[in-house]
Amino acid sequence: MQAKTPSDSRTIMTDIVLPGETNILKNLFGGELLARMDRAASIAAGRHCGGITVTAAVNHVAFSQAVPLGSVVTLEAAVSRAFSSSMEVYIDVWIESRFSGKRSKVNEGIYTFVSLDEIGKPTPVPPLEPETVLEKERFNAALRRKQLSLVLAGKMKPTDANELRALFMDENE
């Protein structure tokens, strides 16, 4: 299976925040943002594996800043790491100033998707080759996040989580 790069899966979605999508404070509902992130991440995962994908987990979401009514919101999603049949997808959320057009990052999320065949059985995904410094950082961190998740679920012994352990070990030990 030929390796792909994060840019092969890059998905950019831009939309405006409308009144029916906001809470009493006139900010985008968190659930609405999660749904938008899920759709962008799903497209990115599908582009990477070339098939059917399902959301397996929402690993992390940071609601760092409110997204006000009328904001132009852009979501950028790309596969950050591919495992045997799963993919981690990183999503950055940006808003544009209504006055200056300047973009600022307001939120981010990390979702996990699984590639499935026509009968719903997990299927292998292509490996990922990161290219930029940021892509390499996200790629390396994805393995630590997966190991932490497996340890917490009791599916991996902490002593076997080598990349995760390396964060806490002194290099001279």
N, C-alpha and C. Protein backbone atom coordinates (compact mmCIF):
# COMPACT_ATOMS: atom_id res chain seq x y z
N MET A 1 0.85 -1.17 0.00
CA MET A 1 0.00 0.00 0.00
C MET A 1 0.90 1.24 0.00
N GLN A 2 0.64 2.14 -0.92
CA GLN A 2 1.48 3.34 -1.06
C GLN A 2 1.16 4.36 0.03
N ALA A 3 2.22 4.91 0.62
CA ALA A 3 2.06 5.91 1.68
C ALA A 3 1.46 7.20 1.12
N LYS A 4 0.77 7.92 1.99
CA LYS A 4 0.20 9.21 1.63
C LYS A 4 0.73 10.26 2.59
N THR A 5 0.53 11.51 2.24
CA THR A 5 0.93 12.62 3.10
C THR A 5 -0.32 13.27 3.70
N PRO A 6 -0.14 14.05 4.76
CA PRO A 6 -1.30 14.76 5.31
C PRO A 6 -1.98 15.66 4.28
N SER A 7 -1.21 16.23 3.37
CA SER A 7 -1.82 17.11 2.36
C SER A 7 -2.75 16.35 1.43
N ASP A 8 -2.55 15.04 1.29
CA ASP A 8 -3.46 14.23 0.47
C ASP A 8 -4.86 14.17 1.06
N SER A 9 -4.95 14.31 2.37
CA SER A 9 -6.25 14.23 3.04
C SER A 9 -6.80 15.59 3.45
N ARG A 10 -6.01 16.63 3.29
CA ARG A 10 -6.40 17.96 3.78
C ARG A 10 -7.79 18.34 3.28
N THR A 11 -8.62 18.74 4.23
CA THR A 11 -9.99 19.14 3.96
C THR A 11 -10.22 20.51 4.57
N ILE A 12 -10.72 21.44 3.77
CA ILE A 12 -10.99 22.78 4.25
C ILE A 12 -12.47 23.08 4.02
N MET A 13 -13.16 23.42 5.10
CA MET A 13 -14.58 23.76 5.03
C MET A 13 -14.76 25.15 5.61
N THR A 14 -15.44 26.02 4.87
CA THR A 14 -15.71 27.37 5.34
C THR A 14 -17.20 27.62 5.33
N ASP A 15 -17.69 28.24 6.39
CA ASP A 15 -19.12 28.50 6.52
C ASP A 15 -19.31 29.72 7.41
N ILE A 16 -20.52 30.20 7.48
CA ILE A 16 -20.85 31.35 8.33
C ILE A 16 -21.75 30.87 9.46
N VAL A 17 -21.62 31.49 10.62
CA VAL A 17 -22.45 31.14 11.77
C VAL A 17 -23.77 31.90 11.68
N LEU A 18 -24.87 31.15 11.60
CA LEU A 18 -26.20 31.72 11.45
C LEU A 18 -26.95 31.73 12.79
N PRO A 19 -27.99 32.54 12.90
CA PRO A 19 -28.71 32.67 14.18
C PRO A 19 -29.23 31.35 14.77
N GLY A 20 -29.72 30.45 13.94
CA GLY A 20 -30.26 29.18 14.44
C GLY A 20 -29.20 28.22 14.96
N GLU A 21 -27.94 28.57 14.82
CA GLU A 21 -26.84 27.71 15.27
C GLU A 21 -26.18 28.25 16.54
N THR A 22 -26.80 29.28 17.13
CA THR A 22 -26.17 29.93 18.28
C THR A 22 -26.96 29.73 19.56
N ASN A 23 -26.25 29.91 20.67
CA ASN A 23 -26.87 29.81 21.99
C ASN A 23 -27.41 31.18 22.42
N ILE A 24 -27.83 31.28 23.66
CA ILE A 24 -28.43 32.51 24.16
C ILE A 24 -27.44 33.69 24.17
N LEU A 25 -26.15 33.37 24.19
CA LEU A 25 -25.11 34.41 24.16
C LEU A 25 -24.72 34.80 22.73
N LYS A 26 -25.43 34.23 21.76
CA LYS A 26 -25.18 34.47 20.34
C LYS A 26 -23.81 33.99 19.89
N ASN A 27 -23.40 32.85 20.47
CA ASN A 27 -22.18 32.16 20.06
C ASN A 27 -22.56 30.78 19.53
N LEU A 28 -21.78 30.27 18.61
CA LEU A 28 -22.02 28.95 18.03
C LEU A 28 -22.12 27.90 19.13
N PHE A 29 -23.17 27.07 19.07
CA PHE A 29 -23.30 25.95 19.99
C PHE A 29 -22.08 25.05 19.89
N GLY A 30 -21.59 24.57 21.03
CA GLY A 30 -20.46 23.63 21.02
C GLY A 30 -20.78 22.38 20.23
N GLY A 31 -21.99 21.88 20.36
CA GLY A 31 -22.38 20.68 19.62
C GLY A 31 -22.40 20.89 18.12
N GLU A 32 -22.78 22.09 17.69
CA GLU A 32 -22.75 22.42 16.27
C GLU A 32 -21.31 22.42 15.76
N LEU A 33 -20.40 22.99 16.55
CA LEU A 33 -18.99 22.98 16.15
C LEU A 33 -18.46 21.55 16.10
N LEU A 34 -18.81 20.72 17.08
CA LEU A 34 -18.38 19.32 17.07
C LEU A 34 -18.86 18.59 15.82
N ALA A 35 -20.10 18.85 15.41
CA ALA A 35 -20.64 18.21 14.21
C ALA A 35 -19.87 18.67 12.97
N ARG A 36 -19.57 19.95 12.89
CA ARG A 36 -18.80 20.46 11.74
C ARG A 36 -17.41 19.83 11.72
N MET A 37 -16.81 19.73 12.89
CA MET A 37 -15.47 19.12 12.98
C MET A 37 -15.53 17.65 12.56
N ASP A 38 -16.56 16.95 12.98
CA ASP A 38 -16.72 15.54 12.63
C ASP A 38 -16.85 15.36 11.12
N ARG A 39 -17.62 16.23 10.49
CA ARG A 39 -17.79 16.14 9.02
C ARG A 39 -16.46 16.39 8.30
N ALA A 40 -15.74 17.42 8.70
CA ALA A 40 -14.45 17.73 8.05
C ALA A 40 -13.47 16.58 8.27
N ALA A 41 -13.42 16.06 9.49
CA ALA A 41 -12.50 14.96 9.80
C ALA A 41 -12.88 13.69 9.05
N SER A 42 -14.17 13.45 8.89
CA SER A 42 -14.64 12.28 8.15
C SER A 42 -14.20 12.33 6.69
N ILE A 43 -14.30 13.50 6.11
CA ILE A 43 -13.86 13.66 4.71
C ILE A 43 -12.36 13.42 4.61
N ALA A 44 -11.60 13.98 5.55
CA ALA A 44 -10.14 13.79 5.53
C ALA A 44 -9.78 12.31 5.66
N ALA A 45 -10.41 11.62 6.60
CA ALA A 45 -10.13 10.20 6.80
C ALA A 45 -10.49 9.39 5.55
N GLY A 46 -11.63 9.71 4.95
CA GLY A 46 -12.04 9.02 3.72
C GLY A 46 -11.08 9.26 2.57
N ARG A 47 -10.56 10.47 2.48
CA ARG A 47 -9.57 10.77 1.43
C ARG A 47 -8.30 9.96 1.65
N HIS A 48 -7.92 9.78 2.91
CA HIS A 48 -6.68 9.04 3.18
C HIS A 48 -6.83 7.56 2.82
N CYS A 49 -7.93 6.95 3.25
CA CYS A 49 -8.05 5.50 3.04
C CYS A 49 -8.77 5.14 1.75
N GLY A 50 -9.46 6.11 1.15
CA GLY A 50 -10.16 5.83 -0.09
C GLY A 50 -11.39 4.96 0.08
N GLY A 51 -12.01 5.03 1.25
CA GLY A 51 -13.17 4.19 1.49
C GLY A 51 -14.07 4.71 2.59
N ILE A 52 -14.80 3.79 3.18
CA ILE A 52 -15.76 4.10 4.23
C ILE A 52 -15.03 4.30 5.55
N THR A 53 -15.41 5.33 6.29
CA THR A 53 -14.84 5.55 7.62
C THR A 53 -15.96 5.85 8.61
N VAL A 54 -15.70 5.53 9.86
CA VAL A 54 -16.63 5.89 10.94
C VAL A 54 -15.83 6.52 12.07
N THR A 55 -16.48 7.42 12.78
CA THR A 55 -15.85 8.05 13.93
C THR A 55 -15.75 7.01 15.04
N ALA A 56 -14.54 6.78 15.53
CA ALA A 56 -14.32 5.84 16.63
C ALA A 56 -14.21 6.57 17.96
N ALA A 57 -13.66 7.79 17.93
CA ALA A 57 -13.49 8.53 19.18
C ALA A 57 -13.28 10.01 18.89
N VAL A 58 -13.75 10.81 19.82
CA VAL A 58 -13.38 12.22 19.86
C VAL A 58 -12.36 12.28 21.00
N ASN A 59 -11.09 12.33 20.63
CA ASN A 59 -10.02 12.22 21.61
C ASN A 59 -9.78 13.51 22.39
N HIS A 60 -9.96 14.62 21.72
CA HIS A 60 -9.65 15.90 22.36
C HIS A 60 -10.38 17.01 21.61
N VAL A 61 -10.95 17.92 22.35
CA VAL A 61 -11.52 19.14 21.77
C VAL A 61 -11.20 20.26 22.73
N ALA A 62 -10.70 21.36 22.21
CA ALA A 62 -10.43 22.54 23.03
C ALA A 62 -11.32 23.66 22.53
N PHE A 63 -12.24 24.11 23.38
CA PHE A 63 -13.07 25.27 23.08
C PHE A 63 -12.35 26.48 23.67
N SER A 64 -11.35 26.97 22.97
CA SER A 64 -10.51 28.04 23.49
C SER A 64 -11.15 29.41 23.41
N GLN A 65 -11.99 29.60 22.44
CA GLN A 65 -12.60 30.91 22.23
C GLN A 65 -14.00 30.72 21.64
N ALA A 66 -14.92 31.57 22.05
CA ALA A 66 -16.28 31.51 21.49
C ALA A 66 -16.26 31.90 20.03
N VAL A 67 -17.22 31.37 19.28
CA VAL A 67 -17.37 31.68 17.86
C VAL A 67 -18.68 32.45 17.71
N PRO A 68 -18.58 33.78 17.56
CA PRO A 68 -19.78 34.62 17.55
C PRO A 68 -20.63 34.50 16.29
N LEU A 69 -21.91 34.83 16.47
CA LEU A 69 -22.85 34.92 15.37
C LEU A 69 -22.26 35.76 14.24
N GLY A 70 -22.40 35.30 13.02
CA GLY A 70 -21.91 36.02 11.85
C GLY A 70 -20.47 35.75 11.51
N SER A 71 -19.76 34.99 12.36
CA SER A 71 -18.35 34.69 12.09
C SER A 71 -18.21 33.82 10.85
N VAL A 72 -17.15 34.05 10.12
CA VAL A 72 -16.76 33.15 9.05
C VAL A 72 -15.82 32.13 9.68
N VAL A 73 -16.23 30.87 9.68
CA VAL A 73 -15.49 29.80 10.35
C VAL A 73 -14.87 28.89 9.29
N THR A 74 -13.59 28.60 9.45
CA THR A 74 -12.90 27.68 8.56
C THR A 74 -12.32 26.54 9.38
N LEU A 75 -12.65 25.32 8.97
CA LEU A 75 -12.10 24.13 9.60
C LEU A 75 -11.09 23.51 8.65
N GLU A 76 -9.92 23.18 9.17
CA GLU A 76 -8.89 22.52 8.39
C GLU A 76 -8.58 21.19 9.06
N ALA A 77 -8.85 20.10 8.35
CA ALA A 77 -8.65 18.76 8.89
C ALA A 77 -7.67 18.00 8.01
N ALA A 78 -6.84 17.18 8.65
CA ALA A 78 -5.91 16.32 7.91
C ALA A 78 -5.54 15.14 8.79
N VAL A 79 -5.29 14.00 8.17
CA VAL A 79 -4.84 12.83 8.92
C VAL A 79 -3.47 13.16 9.50
N SER A 80 -3.30 12.91 10.80
CA SER A 80 -2.03 13.18 11.46
C SER A 80 -1.22 11.90 11.71
N ARG A 81 -1.91 10.75 11.71
CA ARG A 81 -1.21 9.47 11.85
C ARG A 81 -2.14 8.37 11.38
N ALA A 82 -1.57 7.38 10.72
CA ALA A 82 -2.33 6.20 10.31
C ALA A 82 -1.77 5.00 11.06
N PHE A 83 -2.67 4.17 11.57
CA PHE A 83 -2.27 2.95 12.25
C PHE A 83 -2.72 1.79 11.36
N SER A 84 -3.03 0.63 11.90
CA SER A 84 -3.37 -0.48 11.02
C SER A 84 -4.70 -0.25 10.28
N SER A 85 -5.77 0.02 11.01
CA SER A 85 -7.05 0.29 10.36
C SER A 85 -7.66 1.60 10.84
N SER A 86 -6.95 2.31 11.70
CA SER A 86 -7.47 3.57 12.23
C SER A 86 -6.57 4.73 11.83
N MET A 87 -7.16 5.91 11.92
CA MET A 87 -6.44 7.14 11.58
C MET A 87 -6.78 8.20 12.61
N GLU A 88 -5.76 8.95 13.02
CA GLU A 88 -6.02 10.11 13.85
C GLU A 88 -6.12 11.31 12.92
N VAL A 89 -7.14 12.14 13.13
CA VAL A 89 -7.35 13.33 12.31
C VAL A 89 -7.30 14.55 13.23
N TYR A 90 -6.49 15.51 12.87
CA TYR A 90 -6.34 16.75 13.64
C TYR A 90 -7.14 17.83 12.92
N ILE A 91 -7.93 18.58 13.67
CA ILE A 91 -8.77 19.63 13.09
C ILE A 91 -8.43 20.96 13.76
N ASP A 92 -8.10 21.96 12.96
CA ASP A 92 -7.89 23.33 13.44
C ASP A 92 -9.11 24.15 13.03
N VAL A 93 -9.58 25.00 13.95
CA VAL A 93 -10.74 25.85 13.69
C VAL A 93 -10.30 27.31 13.75
N TRP A 94 -10.61 28.03 12.67
CA TRP A 94 -10.21 29.43 12.53
C TRP A 94 -11.44 30.29 12.34
N ILE A 95 -11.37 31.54 12.80
CA ILE A 95 -12.41 32.50 12.44
C ILE A 95 -11.74 33.72 11.82
N GLU A 96 -12.49 34.38 10.96
CA GLU A 96 -12.01 35.61 10.33
C GLU A 96 -12.66 36.79 11.00
N SER A 97 -11.88 37.82 11.24
CA SER A 97 -12.44 39.05 11.77
C SER A 97 -13.38 39.64 10.73
N ARG A 98 -14.53 40.07 11.17
CA ARG A 98 -15.51 40.65 10.25
C ARG A 98 -15.05 42.00 9.72
N PHE A 99 -14.06 42.59 10.36
CA PHE A 99 -13.64 43.93 9.98
C PHE A 99 -12.31 43.94 9.23
N SER A 100 -11.32 43.18 9.73
CA SER A 100 -10.00 43.22 9.11
C SER A 100 -9.74 42.04 8.17
N GLY A 101 -10.53 40.97 8.31
CA GLY A 101 -10.29 39.77 7.51
C GLY A 101 -9.18 38.91 8.10
N LYS A 102 -8.58 39.35 9.22
CA LYS A 102 -7.50 38.59 9.85
C LYS A 102 -8.05 37.29 10.44
N ARG A 103 -7.30 36.20 10.22
CA ARG A 103 -7.70 34.89 10.74
C ARG A 103 -7.02 34.63 12.08
N SER A 104 -7.77 33.97 12.98
CA SER A 104 -7.17 33.54 14.24
C SER A 104 -7.70 32.16 14.59
N LYS A 105 -6.80 31.34 15.14
CA LYS A 105 -7.18 29.98 15.54
C LYS A 105 -7.93 30.08 16.86
N VAL A 106 -9.13 29.48 16.89
CA VAL A 106 -9.97 29.58 18.08
C VAL A 106 -10.22 28.24 18.77
N ASN A 107 -10.12 27.15 18.04
CA ASN A 107 -10.39 25.83 18.60
C ASN A 107 -9.60 24.78 17.83
N GLU A 108 -9.53 23.59 18.42
CA GLU A 108 -8.89 22.46 17.74
C GLU A 108 -9.47 21.17 18.29
N GLY A 109 -9.30 20.11 17.53
CA GLY A 109 -9.78 18.82 17.98
C GLY A 109 -9.00 17.69 17.35
N ILE A 110 -9.07 16.54 17.99
CA ILE A 110 -8.43 15.33 17.49
C ILE A 110 -9.46 14.22 17.53
N TYR A 111 -9.74 13.65 16.38
CA TYR A 111 -10.72 12.57 16.26
C TYR A 111 -10.00 11.31 15.75
N THR A 112 -10.56 10.15 16.07
CA THR A 112 -10.06 8.88 15.53
C THR A 112 -11.15 8.27 14.65
N PHE A 113 -10.74 7.83 13.48
CA PHE A 113 -11.63 7.17 12.53
C PHE A 113 -11.10 5.79 12.22
N VAL A 114 -12.02 4.88 11.91
CA VAL A 114 -11.66 3.53 11.49
C VAL A 114 -12.16 3.34 10.07
N SER A 115 -11.31 2.71 9.26
CA SER A 115 -11.67 2.39 7.88
C SER A 115 -12.39 1.04 7.87
N LEU A 116 -13.52 1.00 7.17
CA LEU A 116 -14.32 -0.23 7.12
C LEU A 116 -14.55 -0.67 5.68
N ASP A 117 -14.71 -1.98 5.50
CA ASP A 117 -15.10 -2.50 4.19
C ASP A 117 -16.62 -2.44 4.07
N GLU A 118 -17.16 -3.01 2.99
CA GLU A 118 -18.59 -2.93 2.70
C GLU A 118 -19.47 -3.65 3.72
N ILE A 119 -18.89 -4.59 4.47
CA ILE A 119 -19.68 -5.31 5.48
C ILE A 119 -19.38 -4.83 6.90
N GLY A 120 -18.64 -3.74 7.02
CA GLY A 120 -18.37 -3.15 8.32
C GLY A 120 -17.18 -3.71 9.07
N LYS A 121 -16.32 -4.44 8.36
CA LYS A 121 -15.12 -5.01 8.99
C LYS A 121 -13.95 -4.04 8.82
N PRO A 122 -13.16 -3.80 9.89
CA PRO A 122 -12.00 -2.91 9.76
C PRO A 122 -11.07 -3.37 8.64
N THR A 123 -10.57 -2.40 7.91
CA THR A 123 -9.71 -2.69 6.77
C THR A 123 -8.43 -1.84 6.86
N PRO A 124 -7.31 -2.35 6.35
CA PRO A 124 -6.04 -1.61 6.45
C PRO A 124 -6.09 -0.25 5.75
N VAL A 125 -5.30 0.68 6.31
CA VAL A 125 -5.19 2.02 5.72
C VAL A 125 -3.75 2.25 5.29
N PRO A 126 -3.55 3.13 4.30
CA PRO A 126 -2.19 3.43 3.86
C PRO A 126 -1.38 4.09 4.98
N PRO A 127 -0.07 3.86 5.00
CA PRO A 127 0.77 4.56 5.97
C PRO A 127 0.81 6.06 5.65
N LEU A 128 1.22 6.85 6.63
CA LEU A 128 1.28 8.30 6.47
C LEU A 128 2.73 8.76 6.59
N GLU A 129 3.13 9.62 5.68
CA GLU A 129 4.47 10.21 5.71
C GLU A 129 4.34 11.72 5.90
N PRO A 130 4.55 12.20 7.13
CA PRO A 130 4.47 13.64 7.37
C PRO A 130 5.62 14.36 6.68
N GLU A 131 5.37 15.61 6.28
CA GLU A 131 6.39 16.37 5.55
C GLU A 131 6.87 17.60 6.31
N THR A 132 5.97 18.37 6.87
CA THR A 132 6.36 19.61 7.54
C THR A 132 6.72 19.35 9.00
N VAL A 133 7.31 20.34 9.63
CA VAL A 133 7.67 20.22 11.05
C VAL A 133 6.42 19.97 11.89
N LEU A 134 5.36 20.74 11.65
CA LEU A 134 4.12 20.57 12.39
C LEU A 134 3.53 19.18 12.16
N GLU A 135 3.52 18.71 10.92
CA GLU A 135 2.99 17.37 10.62
C GLU A 135 3.79 16.30 11.35
N LYS A 136 5.11 16.47 11.43
CA LYS A 136 5.96 15.50 12.13
C LYS A 136 5.70 15.53 13.63
N GLU A 137 5.49 16.71 14.19
CA GLU A 137 5.18 16.83 15.62
C GLU A 137 3.85 16.13 15.92
N ARG A 138 2.85 16.38 15.10
CA ARG A 138 1.54 15.76 15.31
C ARG A 138 1.61 14.25 15.11
N PHE A 139 2.38 13.80 14.14
CA PHE A 139 2.57 12.38 13.85
C PHE A 139 3.17 11.68 15.08
N ASN A 140 4.24 12.24 15.62
CA ASN A 140 4.91 11.62 16.77
C ASN A 140 4.02 11.65 18.02
N ALA A 141 3.33 12.75 18.24
CA ALA A 141 2.45 12.86 19.40
C ALA A 141 1.26 11.90 19.31
N ALA A 142 0.83 11.58 18.10
CA ALA A 142 -0.31 10.68 17.92
C ALA A 142 -0.03 9.30 18.51
N LEU A 143 1.18 8.82 18.37
CA LEU A 143 1.52 7.50 18.91
C LEU A 143 1.48 7.54 20.44
N ARG A 144 1.96 8.62 21.03
CA ARG A 144 1.90 8.75 22.49
C ARG A 144 0.45 8.83 22.96
N ARG A 145 -0.38 9.56 22.21
CA ARG A 145 -1.80 9.65 22.59
C ARG A 145 -2.47 8.27 22.50
N LYS A 146 -2.13 7.52 21.46
CA LYS A 146 -2.73 6.18 21.31
C LYS A 146 -2.26 5.27 22.44
N GLN A 147 -0.98 5.33 22.77
CA GLN A 147 -0.48 4.50 23.85
C GLN A 147 -1.16 4.86 25.18
N LEU A 148 -1.33 6.15 25.45
CA LEU A 148 -1.99 6.58 26.67
C LEU A 148 -3.42 6.04 26.72
N SER A 149 -4.12 6.14 25.61
CA SER A 149 -5.49 5.64 25.53
C SER A 149 -5.54 4.13 25.80
N LEU A 150 -4.61 3.39 25.22
CA LEU A 150 -4.58 1.94 25.43
C LEU A 150 -4.24 1.58 26.87
N VAL A 151 -3.32 2.32 27.47
CA VAL A 151 -2.96 2.08 28.87
C VAL A 151 -4.16 2.35 29.76
N LEU A 152 -4.83 3.48 29.55
CA LEU A 152 -5.99 3.83 30.38
C LEU A 152 -7.14 2.83 30.22
N ALA A 153 -7.25 2.24 29.02
CA ALA A 153 -8.31 1.26 28.77
C ALA A 153 -7.91 -0.15 29.25
N GLY A 154 -6.70 -0.29 29.75
CA GLY A 154 -6.24 -1.59 30.22
C GLY A 154 -5.85 -2.53 29.10
N LYS A 155 -5.65 -1.99 27.90
CA LYS A 155 -5.31 -2.82 26.75
C LYS A 155 -3.80 -2.85 26.48
N MET A 156 -3.03 -2.08 27.25
CA MET A 156 -1.58 -2.05 27.10
C MET A 156 -0.98 -1.84 28.49
N LYS A 157 0.10 -2.53 28.77
CA LYS A 157 0.80 -2.33 30.04
C LYS A 157 1.59 -1.03 29.94
N PRO A 158 1.61 -0.25 31.00
CA PRO A 158 2.40 1.00 30.97
C PRO A 158 3.87 0.76 30.61
N THR A 159 4.41 -0.38 31.00
CA THR A 159 5.81 -0.67 30.69
C THR A 159 6.04 -0.93 29.20
N ASP A 160 4.95 -1.22 28.47
CA ASP A 160 5.08 -1.45 27.03
C ASP A 160 4.88 -0.19 26.19
N ALA A 161 4.48 0.89 26.84
CA ALA A 161 4.23 2.15 26.13
C ALA A 161 5.54 2.94 26.03
N ASN A 162 6.43 2.48 25.20
CA ASN A 162 7.79 3.03 25.13
C ASN A 162 7.84 4.52 24.80
N GLU A 163 7.10 4.96 23.80
CA GLU A 163 7.15 6.37 23.42
C GLU A 163 6.55 7.26 24.51
N LEU A 164 5.52 6.76 25.16
CA LEU A 164 4.90 7.50 26.26
C LEU A 164 5.85 7.55 27.46
N ARG A 165 6.46 6.43 27.79
CA ARG A 165 7.41 6.39 28.91
C ARG A 165 8.57 7.33 28.69
N ALA A 166 9.00 7.47 27.43
CA ALA A 166 10.15 8.32 27.12
C ALA A 166 9.92 9.78 27.54
N LEU A 167 8.68 10.20 27.60
CA LEU A 167 8.38 11.57 28.03
C LEU A 167 8.75 11.79 29.49
N PHE A 168 8.72 10.71 30.29
CA PHE A 168 8.91 10.83 31.73
C PHE A 168 10.25 10.30 32.21
N MET A 169 11.04 9.77 31.32
CA MET A 169 12.31 9.17 31.70
C MET A 169 13.47 10.13 31.45
N ASP A 170 14.42 10.11 32.33
CA ASP A 170 15.65 10.87 32.15
C ASP A 170 16.50 10.14 31.12
N GLU A 171 17.05 10.86 30.17
CA GLU A 171 17.85 10.22 29.11
C GLU A 171 19.06 9.50 29.66
N ASN A 172 19.53 9.87 30.83
CA ASN A 172 20.74 9.25 31.41
C ASN A 172 20.43 8.00 32.22
N GLU A 173 19.12 7.67 32.38
CA GLU A 173 18.77 6.47 33.16
C GLU A 173 18.90 5.22 32.35
